[in-house]
Amino acid sequence: MRKILFAALAATTIGSALAAELPVTSQAEIEGLLTTLGSSDCQFYRNGSWHNGGEAESHLRMKYEALRRRGSLHSTEEFIEGAATKSSLSGEPYAVKCSNDPPQPSAAWLGAKLKVLRAPPAGRKS
């Protein structure tokens, strides 16, 4: 009986470790998105008020780390959908406003930045 329990515990532990692993590519993309937002002059709308890029980066980084600790992330798209689209508390959508452009949903802004990150370098075909 002990051998069965040990094997089940080992399998659960190994399975949890594997499930919690976010691909390195996704980690780099998410870091790139957070850094891009944090260093931008854009404003980030959250729960009724506008925040600068650094505050937005800090807030989304906190949510990102919480999801990583729980093993709830498997892709960059899951990060955008699960952490960067709306408030976990109020359910209110996030928005991003840059320069004189109208505000847009944060998912659209981050999705556009993700496409840029994934694009092959200029002059090189994929």
N, C-alpha and C. Protein backbone atom coordinates (compact mmCIF):
# COMPACT_ATOMS: atom_id res chain seq x y z
N MET A 1 0.83 -1.20 0.00
CA MET A 1 0.00 0.00 0.00
C MET A 1 0.87 1.26 0.00
N ARG A 2 1.95 1.25 0.78
CA ARG A 2 2.84 2.41 0.82
C ARG A 2 3.45 2.68 -0.55
N LYS A 3 3.80 1.63 -1.26
CA LYS A 3 4.40 1.80 -2.60
C LYS A 3 3.42 2.46 -3.55
N ILE A 4 2.15 2.09 -3.46
CA ILE A 4 1.12 2.68 -4.31
C ILE A 4 0.94 4.16 -3.97
N LEU A 5 0.88 4.47 -2.67
CA LEU A 5 0.72 5.86 -2.25
C LEU A 5 1.93 6.69 -2.67
N PHE A 6 3.13 6.14 -2.49
CA PHE A 6 4.33 6.85 -2.89
C PHE A 6 4.34 7.11 -4.39
N ALA A 7 3.99 6.10 -5.17
CA ALA A 7 3.95 6.26 -6.63
C ALA A 7 2.93 7.30 -7.04
N ALA A 8 1.77 7.30 -6.40
CA ALA A 8 0.72 8.28 -6.72
C ALA A 8 1.19 9.69 -6.35
N LEU A 9 1.83 9.82 -5.19
CA LEU A 9 2.34 11.12 -4.77
C LEU A 9 3.42 11.61 -5.72
N ALA A 10 4.33 10.73 -6.11
CA ALA A 10 5.39 11.11 -7.04
C ALA A 10 4.82 11.53 -8.38
N ALA A 11 3.85 10.77 -8.88
CA ALA A 11 3.22 11.11 -10.16
C ALA A 11 2.52 12.46 -10.08
N THR A 12 1.84 12.72 -8.98
CA THR A 12 1.14 13.99 -8.80
C THR A 12 2.14 15.14 -8.74
N THR A 13 3.23 14.95 -8.00
CA THR A 13 4.25 15.99 -7.88
C THR A 13 4.90 16.27 -9.22
N ILE A 14 5.26 15.22 -9.94
CA ILE A 14 5.88 15.40 -11.26
C ILE A 14 4.89 16.03 -12.22
N GLY A 15 3.65 15.57 -12.20
CA GLY A 15 2.61 16.14 -13.08
C GLY A 15 2.38 17.61 -12.78
N SER A 16 2.37 17.97 -11.49
CA SER A 16 2.18 19.38 -11.13
C SER A 16 3.34 20.23 -11.61
N ALA A 17 4.55 19.70 -11.47
CA ALA A 17 5.72 20.46 -11.91
C ALA A 17 5.68 20.66 -13.42
N LEU A 18 5.29 19.65 -14.16
CA LEU A 18 5.22 19.77 -15.61
C LEU A 18 4.10 20.73 -16.02
N ALA A 19 2.96 20.65 -15.35
CA ALA A 19 1.83 21.50 -15.68
C ALA A 19 2.14 22.96 -15.38
N ALA A 20 2.99 23.20 -14.36
CA ALA A 20 3.29 24.56 -13.94
C ALA A 20 4.31 25.23 -14.84
N GLU A 21 4.96 24.47 -15.71
CA GLU A 21 6.03 25.01 -16.52
C GLU A 21 5.49 25.81 -17.71
N LEU A 22 5.78 27.08 -17.72
CA LEU A 22 5.41 27.95 -18.83
C LEU A 22 6.55 27.91 -19.84
N PRO A 23 6.27 27.68 -21.11
CA PRO A 23 7.35 27.62 -22.10
C PRO A 23 8.23 28.87 -22.06
N VAL A 24 9.52 28.67 -22.27
CA VAL A 24 10.49 29.76 -22.25
C VAL A 24 10.11 30.85 -23.25
N THR A 25 9.63 30.45 -24.41
CA THR A 25 9.21 31.43 -25.42
C THR A 25 8.10 32.32 -24.88
N SER A 26 7.13 31.71 -24.22
CA SER A 26 6.02 32.50 -23.65
C SER A 26 6.52 33.41 -22.53
N GLN A 27 7.43 32.91 -21.71
CA GLN A 27 8.00 33.75 -20.65
C GLN A 27 8.65 34.99 -21.26
N ALA A 28 9.44 34.79 -22.31
CA ALA A 28 10.11 35.92 -22.97
C ALA A 28 9.10 36.88 -23.59
N GLU A 29 8.06 36.34 -24.21
CA GLU A 29 7.03 37.20 -24.82
C GLU A 29 6.31 38.02 -23.76
N ILE A 30 5.95 37.39 -22.66
CA ILE A 30 5.23 38.10 -21.59
C ILE A 30 6.13 39.17 -20.99
N GLU A 31 7.39 38.84 -20.76
CA GLU A 31 8.34 39.84 -20.26
C GLU A 31 8.44 41.00 -21.24
N GLY A 32 8.49 40.69 -22.53
CA GLY A 32 8.55 41.73 -23.55
C GLY A 32 7.32 42.63 -23.53
N LEU A 33 6.14 42.02 -23.39
CA LEU A 33 4.90 42.80 -23.33
C LEU A 33 4.88 43.70 -22.09
N LEU A 34 5.25 43.14 -20.95
CA LEU A 34 5.25 43.92 -19.71
C LEU A 34 6.24 45.08 -19.78
N THR A 35 7.42 44.81 -20.30
CA THR A 35 8.44 45.85 -20.43
C THR A 35 8.00 46.93 -21.41
N THR A 36 7.40 46.51 -22.52
CA THR A 36 6.92 47.47 -23.52
C THR A 36 5.86 48.39 -22.90
N LEU A 37 4.92 47.82 -22.17
CA LEU A 37 3.89 48.62 -21.52
C LEU A 37 4.51 49.53 -20.48
N GLY A 38 5.41 48.99 -19.67
CA GLY A 38 6.02 49.77 -18.60
C GLY A 38 6.85 50.94 -19.08
N SER A 39 7.48 50.79 -20.23
CA SER A 39 8.33 51.87 -20.74
C SER A 39 7.60 52.80 -21.71
N SER A 40 6.33 52.52 -21.94
CA SER A 40 5.56 53.35 -22.87
C SER A 40 5.06 54.62 -22.19
N ASP A 41 4.61 55.54 -23.00
CA ASP A 41 3.96 56.75 -22.50
C ASP A 41 2.44 56.57 -22.45
N CYS A 42 2.01 55.34 -22.63
CA CYS A 42 0.58 55.04 -22.65
C CYS A 42 -0.01 55.07 -21.24
N GLN A 43 -1.31 55.24 -21.19
CA GLN A 43 -2.06 55.18 -19.95
C GLN A 43 -2.85 53.87 -19.91
N PHE A 44 -3.03 53.33 -18.73
CA PHE A 44 -3.69 52.04 -18.55
C PHE A 44 -4.90 52.25 -17.64
N TYR A 45 -6.08 51.90 -18.15
CA TYR A 45 -7.32 52.08 -17.40
C TYR A 45 -7.63 50.82 -16.60
N ARG A 46 -7.80 51.02 -15.29
CA ARG A 46 -8.10 49.89 -14.41
C ARG A 46 -8.99 50.36 -13.27
N ASN A 47 -10.12 49.72 -13.13
CA ASN A 47 -11.04 49.98 -12.02
C ASN A 47 -11.36 51.46 -11.81
N GLY A 48 -11.67 52.14 -12.90
CA GLY A 48 -12.16 53.51 -12.80
C GLY A 48 -11.12 54.60 -12.84
N SER A 49 -9.84 54.24 -12.97
CA SER A 49 -8.82 55.30 -13.04
C SER A 49 -7.71 54.91 -13.99
N TRP A 50 -7.00 55.95 -14.46
CA TRP A 50 -5.91 55.78 -15.41
C TRP A 50 -4.59 55.73 -14.66
N HIS A 51 -3.70 54.86 -15.12
CA HIS A 51 -2.39 54.65 -14.50
C HIS A 51 -1.31 54.75 -15.58
N ASN A 52 -0.12 55.16 -15.17
CA ASN A 52 0.97 55.23 -16.15
C ASN A 52 1.47 53.83 -16.48
N GLY A 53 2.34 53.75 -17.47
CA GLY A 53 2.84 52.46 -17.93
C GLY A 53 3.56 51.67 -16.86
N GLY A 54 4.34 52.34 -16.04
CA GLY A 54 5.06 51.66 -14.97
C GLY A 54 4.13 51.03 -13.95
N GLU A 55 3.08 51.76 -13.59
CA GLU A 55 2.09 51.22 -12.66
C GLU A 55 1.35 50.03 -13.29
N ALA A 56 1.04 50.15 -14.56
CA ALA A 56 0.36 49.07 -15.27
C ALA A 56 1.25 47.83 -15.31
N GLU A 57 2.53 48.03 -15.63
CA GLU A 57 3.46 46.90 -15.66
C GLU A 57 3.53 46.22 -14.30
N SER A 58 3.64 46.99 -13.26
CA SER A 58 3.73 46.44 -11.91
C SER A 58 2.49 45.62 -11.56
N HIS A 59 1.32 46.16 -11.88
CA HIS A 59 0.07 45.46 -11.58
C HIS A 59 -0.05 44.16 -12.37
N LEU A 60 0.21 44.23 -13.67
CA LEU A 60 0.09 43.02 -14.49
C LEU A 60 1.18 42.00 -14.15
N ARG A 61 2.35 42.47 -13.75
CA ARG A 61 3.42 41.56 -13.34
C ARG A 61 3.00 40.78 -12.08
N MET A 62 2.35 41.47 -11.16
CA MET A 62 1.86 40.80 -9.95
C MET A 62 0.86 39.69 -10.32
N LYS A 63 -0.06 40.00 -11.24
CA LYS A 63 -1.04 39.00 -11.67
C LYS A 63 -0.36 37.85 -12.41
N TYR A 64 0.62 38.17 -13.24
CA TYR A 64 1.38 37.18 -13.99
C TYR A 64 2.07 36.21 -13.03
N GLU A 65 2.76 36.74 -12.03
CA GLU A 65 3.48 35.90 -11.08
C GLU A 65 2.52 35.01 -10.29
N ALA A 66 1.37 35.54 -9.94
CA ALA A 66 0.38 34.74 -9.21
C ALA A 66 -0.10 33.56 -10.07
N LEU A 67 -0.38 33.82 -11.33
CA LEU A 67 -0.81 32.74 -12.23
C LEU A 67 0.30 31.72 -12.46
N ARG A 68 1.53 32.18 -12.56
CA ARG A 68 2.67 31.25 -12.73
C ARG A 68 2.82 30.36 -11.51
N ARG A 69 2.72 30.93 -10.33
CA ARG A 69 2.86 30.14 -9.10
C ARG A 69 1.80 29.05 -9.02
N ARG A 70 0.61 29.35 -9.51
CA ARG A 70 -0.48 28.36 -9.49
C ARG A 70 -0.37 27.36 -10.63
N GLY A 71 0.52 27.62 -11.57
CA GLY A 71 0.64 26.73 -12.73
C GLY A 71 -0.52 26.90 -13.69
N SER A 72 -1.12 28.09 -13.70
CA SER A 72 -2.31 28.34 -14.51
C SER A 72 -2.01 28.91 -15.90
N LEU A 73 -0.75 29.08 -16.24
CA LEU A 73 -0.40 29.66 -17.53
C LEU A 73 0.33 28.65 -18.39
N HIS A 74 -0.07 28.60 -19.65
CA HIS A 74 0.59 27.71 -20.60
C HIS A 74 0.99 28.43 -21.88
N SER A 75 0.57 29.70 -22.02
CA SER A 75 0.89 30.45 -23.24
C SER A 75 0.76 31.95 -22.98
N THR A 76 1.31 32.71 -23.89
CA THR A 76 1.21 34.16 -23.81
C THR A 76 -0.25 34.59 -23.95
N GLU A 77 -0.97 33.92 -24.83
CA GLU A 77 -2.39 34.26 -25.02
C GLU A 77 -3.19 34.03 -23.73
N GLU A 78 -2.85 32.99 -22.98
CA GLU A 78 -3.53 32.76 -21.71
C GLU A 78 -3.22 33.87 -20.72
N PHE A 79 -2.00 34.39 -20.75
CA PHE A 79 -1.67 35.53 -19.90
C PHE A 79 -2.53 36.73 -20.26
N ILE A 80 -2.59 37.04 -21.54
CA ILE A 80 -3.38 38.20 -21.97
C ILE A 80 -4.83 38.02 -21.56
N GLU A 81 -5.40 36.86 -21.87
CA GLU A 81 -6.82 36.62 -21.57
C GLU A 81 -7.08 36.52 -20.07
N GLY A 82 -6.19 35.85 -19.35
CA GLY A 82 -6.44 35.57 -17.94
C GLY A 82 -6.03 36.66 -16.97
N ALA A 83 -5.06 37.49 -17.36
CA ALA A 83 -4.56 38.48 -16.42
C ALA A 83 -4.64 39.92 -16.91
N ALA A 84 -4.59 40.12 -18.20
CA ALA A 84 -4.39 41.47 -18.73
C ALA A 84 -5.59 42.03 -19.47
N THR A 85 -6.73 41.40 -19.35
CA THR A 85 -7.92 41.84 -20.08
C THR A 85 -8.93 42.57 -19.21
N LYS A 86 -9.05 42.10 -17.96
CA LYS A 86 -10.04 42.72 -17.07
C LYS A 86 -9.64 42.53 -15.62
N SER A 87 -10.26 43.31 -14.77
CA SER A 87 -10.01 43.25 -13.34
C SER A 87 -10.54 41.94 -12.76
N SER A 88 -9.73 41.30 -11.96
CA SER A 88 -10.17 40.08 -11.27
C SER A 88 -11.19 40.42 -10.20
N LEU A 89 -11.14 41.63 -9.68
CA LEU A 89 -12.04 42.02 -8.60
C LEU A 89 -13.39 42.51 -9.11
N SER A 90 -13.36 43.45 -10.05
CA SER A 90 -14.60 44.07 -10.50
C SER A 90 -15.15 43.47 -11.80
N GLY A 91 -14.28 42.80 -12.55
CA GLY A 91 -14.68 42.29 -13.87
C GLY A 91 -14.67 43.36 -14.94
N GLU A 92 -14.30 44.59 -14.57
CA GLU A 92 -14.28 45.71 -15.51
C GLU A 92 -13.11 45.55 -16.47
N PRO A 93 -13.35 45.75 -17.77
CA PRO A 93 -12.27 45.59 -18.75
C PRO A 93 -11.18 46.64 -18.58
N TYR A 94 -9.96 46.23 -18.88
CA TYR A 94 -8.83 47.15 -18.92
C TYR A 94 -8.78 47.79 -20.29
N ALA A 95 -8.18 48.98 -20.35
CA ALA A 95 -8.00 49.68 -21.62
C ALA A 95 -6.62 50.34 -21.63
N VAL A 96 -6.14 50.63 -22.83
CA VAL A 96 -4.86 51.31 -23.01
C VAL A 96 -5.11 52.51 -23.93
N LYS A 97 -4.53 53.64 -23.55
CA LYS A 97 -4.66 54.86 -24.35
C LYS A 97 -3.26 55.43 -24.55
N CYS A 98 -2.89 55.58 -25.82
CA CYS A 98 -1.58 56.11 -26.17
C CYS A 98 -1.74 57.39 -26.98
N SER A 99 -0.99 58.41 -26.63
CA SER A 99 -1.00 59.70 -27.33
C SER A 99 -2.42 60.23 -27.46
N ASN A 100 -2.78 60.64 -28.68
CA ASN A 100 -4.11 61.18 -28.93
C ASN A 100 -5.07 60.13 -29.47
N ASP A 101 -4.63 58.88 -29.49
CA ASP A 101 -5.49 57.80 -29.98
C ASP A 101 -6.60 57.52 -28.97
N PRO A 102 -7.73 57.04 -29.44
CA PRO A 102 -8.79 56.68 -28.49
C PRO A 102 -8.38 55.44 -27.69
N PRO A 103 -8.92 55.28 -26.50
CA PRO A 103 -8.63 54.09 -25.72
C PRO A 103 -9.05 52.83 -26.48
N GLN A 104 -8.31 51.76 -26.27
CA GLN A 104 -8.66 50.48 -26.87
C GLN A 104 -8.56 49.40 -25.79
N PRO A 105 -9.27 48.30 -25.97
CA PRO A 105 -9.17 47.21 -24.99
C PRO A 105 -7.71 46.77 -24.85
N SER A 106 -7.32 46.48 -23.64
CA SER A 106 -5.93 46.07 -23.40
C SER A 106 -5.58 44.82 -24.19
N ALA A 107 -6.52 43.92 -24.38
CA ALA A 107 -6.25 42.70 -25.15
C ALA A 107 -5.85 43.04 -26.59
N ALA A 108 -6.50 44.04 -27.17
CA ALA A 108 -6.17 44.45 -28.54
C ALA A 108 -4.77 45.07 -28.58
N TRP A 109 -4.47 45.94 -27.63
CA TRP A 109 -3.17 46.59 -27.59
C TRP A 109 -2.06 45.55 -27.39
N LEU A 110 -2.23 44.67 -26.42
CA LEU A 110 -1.23 43.64 -26.14
C LEU A 110 -1.12 42.65 -27.30
N GLY A 111 -2.24 42.32 -27.94
CA GLY A 111 -2.22 41.43 -29.10
C GLY A 111 -1.41 42.02 -30.24
N ALA A 112 -1.56 43.31 -30.48
CA ALA A 112 -0.79 43.98 -31.53
C ALA A 112 0.70 43.99 -31.19
N LYS A 113 1.02 44.23 -29.94
CA LYS A 113 2.43 44.22 -29.52
C LYS A 113 3.01 42.80 -29.61
N LEU A 114 2.19 41.80 -29.33
CA LEU A 114 2.64 40.41 -29.43
C LEU A 114 2.97 40.06 -30.89
N LYS A 115 2.16 40.53 -31.82
CA LYS A 115 2.45 40.29 -33.24
C LYS A 115 3.79 40.88 -33.63
N VAL A 116 4.10 42.06 -33.11
CA VAL A 116 5.38 42.70 -33.40
C VAL A 116 6.52 41.86 -32.82
N LEU A 117 6.34 41.39 -31.59
CA LEU A 117 7.38 40.57 -30.95
C LEU A 117 7.63 39.27 -31.73
N ARG A 118 6.57 38.72 -32.30
CA ARG A 118 6.68 37.44 -33.00
C ARG A 118 7.11 37.59 -34.46
N ALA A 119 7.09 38.80 -34.97
CA ALA A 119 7.45 39.01 -36.38
C ALA A 119 8.93 38.72 -36.58
N PRO A 120 9.27 38.12 -37.72
CA PRO A 120 10.69 37.88 -37.99
C PRO A 120 11.42 39.20 -38.15
N PRO A 121 12.70 39.22 -37.82
CA PRO A 121 13.47 40.46 -38.00
C PRO A 121 13.40 40.95 -39.44
N ALA A 122 13.45 42.25 -39.60
CA ALA A 122 13.38 42.85 -40.95
C ALA A 122 14.47 42.27 -41.83
N GLY A 123 14.12 41.96 -43.07
CA GLY A 123 15.07 41.44 -44.02
C GLY A 123 15.23 39.93 -43.97
N ARG A 124 14.55 39.28 -43.01
CA ARG A 124 14.64 37.83 -42.90
C ARG A 124 13.25 37.22 -43.05
N LYS A 125 13.14 36.23 -43.91
CA LYS A 125 11.85 35.58 -44.11
C LYS A 125 11.73 34.43 -43.13
N SER A 126 10.49 34.19 -42.69
CA SER A 126 10.28 33.09 -41.75
C SER A 126 10.00 31.80 -42.46
